[in-house]
Protein backbone atom coordinates (compact mmCIF):
# COMPACT_ATOMS: atom_id res chain seq x y z
CA MET A 1 -30.06 10.76 11.86
CA ALA A 2 -27.10 11.16 9.53
CA SER A 3 -25.98 8.09 7.66
CA LEU A 4 -22.33 7.10 7.32
CA LEU A 5 -23.16 5.25 4.11
CA PHE A 6 -21.58 7.02 1.14
CA CYS A 7 -20.95 4.31 -1.45
CA GLY A 8 -22.94 1.44 -2.84
CA PRO A 9 -22.39 -2.26 -2.31
CA LYS A 10 -20.57 -2.85 -5.61
CA LEU A 11 -18.16 0.04 -5.11
CA ALA A 12 -17.48 -1.08 -1.54
CA ALA A 13 -16.79 -4.66 -2.68
CA CYS A 14 -14.49 -3.41 -5.43
CA GLY A 15 -12.62 -1.24 -2.93
CA LEU A 16 -12.21 -4.20 -0.60
CA VAL A 17 -10.84 -6.48 -3.33
CA LEU A 18 -8.45 -3.83 -4.63
CA SER A 19 -7.21 -3.01 -1.16
CA ILE A 20 -6.54 -6.67 -0.35
CA TRP A 21 -4.53 -6.98 -3.55
CA GLY A 22 -2.71 -3.69 -2.83
CA VAL A 23 -1.74 -4.80 0.68
CA ILE A 24 -0.37 -8.13 -0.55
CA MET A 25 1.56 -6.61 -3.45
CA LEU A 26 3.00 -3.65 -1.55
CA ALA A 27 3.94 -5.73 1.49
CA MET A 28 5.85 -8.14 -0.73
CA LEU A 29 7.55 -5.27 -2.56
CA GLY A 30 8.48 -3.71 0.78
CA ILE A 31 10.04 -6.97 1.91
CA PHE A 32 11.99 -7.34 -1.31
CA PHE A 33 13.23 -3.75 -1.19
CA THR A 34 14.36 -3.97 2.43
CA THR A 35 16.25 -7.19 1.65
CA HIS A 36 18.00 -5.32 -1.20
CA SER A 37 16.81 -7.49 -4.07
CA ALA A 38 19.05 -7.01 -7.10
CA VAL A 39 16.13 -7.44 -9.50
CA LEU A 40 14.58 -4.17 -8.27
CA ILE A 41 17.67 -1.98 -8.86
CA GLU A 42 15.91 -0.20 -11.74
CA ASP A 43 13.23 1.04 -9.33
CA VAL A 44 15.67 2.61 -6.86
CA PRO A 45 16.03 6.36 -7.48
CA PHE A 46 19.81 6.74 -7.30
CA THR A 47 21.91 9.39 -9.07
CA GLU A 48 25.47 9.51 -10.34
CA LYS A 49 26.46 11.32 -7.14
CA ASP A 50 25.39 8.30 -5.08
CA MET A 51 27.74 6.08 -7.09
CA GLU A 52 30.78 8.42 -6.97
CA ASP A 53 31.35 8.37 -3.21
CA GLY A 54 33.66 5.35 -3.39
CA PRO A 55 33.53 3.23 -0.22
CA THR A 56 30.15 4.58 0.88
CA ALA A 57 28.47 4.05 -2.49
CA LEU A 58 27.03 0.69 -1.45
CA GLN A 59 25.69 2.14 1.82
CA ASN A 60 24.02 4.97 -0.13
CA ILE A 61 22.30 2.47 -2.43
CA TYR A 62 21.19 0.38 0.56
CA LYS A 63 19.72 3.49 2.21
CA LEU A 64 17.74 4.18 -0.95
CA TYR A 65 16.54 0.56 -1.05
CA ASN A 66 15.37 0.85 2.55
CA GLN A 67 13.61 4.17 1.91
CA VAL A 68 11.68 2.72 -1.03
CA GLY A 69 10.81 -0.33 1.09
CA TYR A 70 9.48 1.89 3.89
CA ASN A 71 7.42 3.82 1.34
CA CYS A 72 5.89 0.54 0.18
CA PHE A 73 4.99 -0.37 3.77
CA ILE A 74 3.38 3.06 4.29
CA ALA A 75 1.32 2.62 1.12
CA ALA A 76 0.28 -0.86 2.28
CA ALA A 77 -0.90 0.65 5.58
CA ILE A 78 -2.98 3.18 3.66
CA TYR A 79 -4.52 0.31 1.70
CA VAL A 80 -5.36 -1.41 5.01
CA GLY A 81 -7.26 1.73 6.03
CA ILE A 82 -9.12 1.86 2.73
CA GLY A 83 -9.94 -1.84 3.06
CA PHE A 84 -11.34 -1.27 6.54
CA LEU A 85 -13.43 1.62 5.25
CA SER A 86 -14.74 -0.53 2.37
CA PHE A 87 -15.55 -3.36 4.77
CA CYS A 88 -17.53 -0.95 6.96
CA GLN A 89 -19.43 0.27 3.90
CA ILE A 90 -20.29 -3.30 2.96
CA ARG A 91 -21.63 -3.90 6.47
CA LEU A 92 -23.67 -0.68 6.39
CA ASN A 93 -25.13 -1.61 3.00
CA LYS A 94 -26.14 -5.05 4.30
CA ARG A 95 -27.76 -3.48 7.36
CA LYS A 96 -29.62 -1.00 5.15
CA GLU A 97 -31.19 -3.90 3.21
CA TYR A 98 -32.91 -5.14 6.39
CA LEU A 99 -34.28 -1.80 7.57
CA VAL A 100 -37.97 -1.04 7.11
CA HIS A 101 -38.61 2.37 5.56
């Protein structure tokens, strides 16, 4: 029977801890970007063309804020998947300890 176990207990625990931290951090960044936090303006990839449009310049910047926020939420979802995978590996490693060879 093929085993789905492909990483050890320490690597799985490390992956779980890092994914929990990644989800918290990226979810908070996504919230701050979608609320258009002024502190994060340096992280928004706008160009001079976005600022020259006059009355729509603010809307262009807000669109870029929202896009970066959505990217943060997507990355947080990927971290949730990695955390689930790490949790499954931890469970498989614990079950392997109790098996008789």
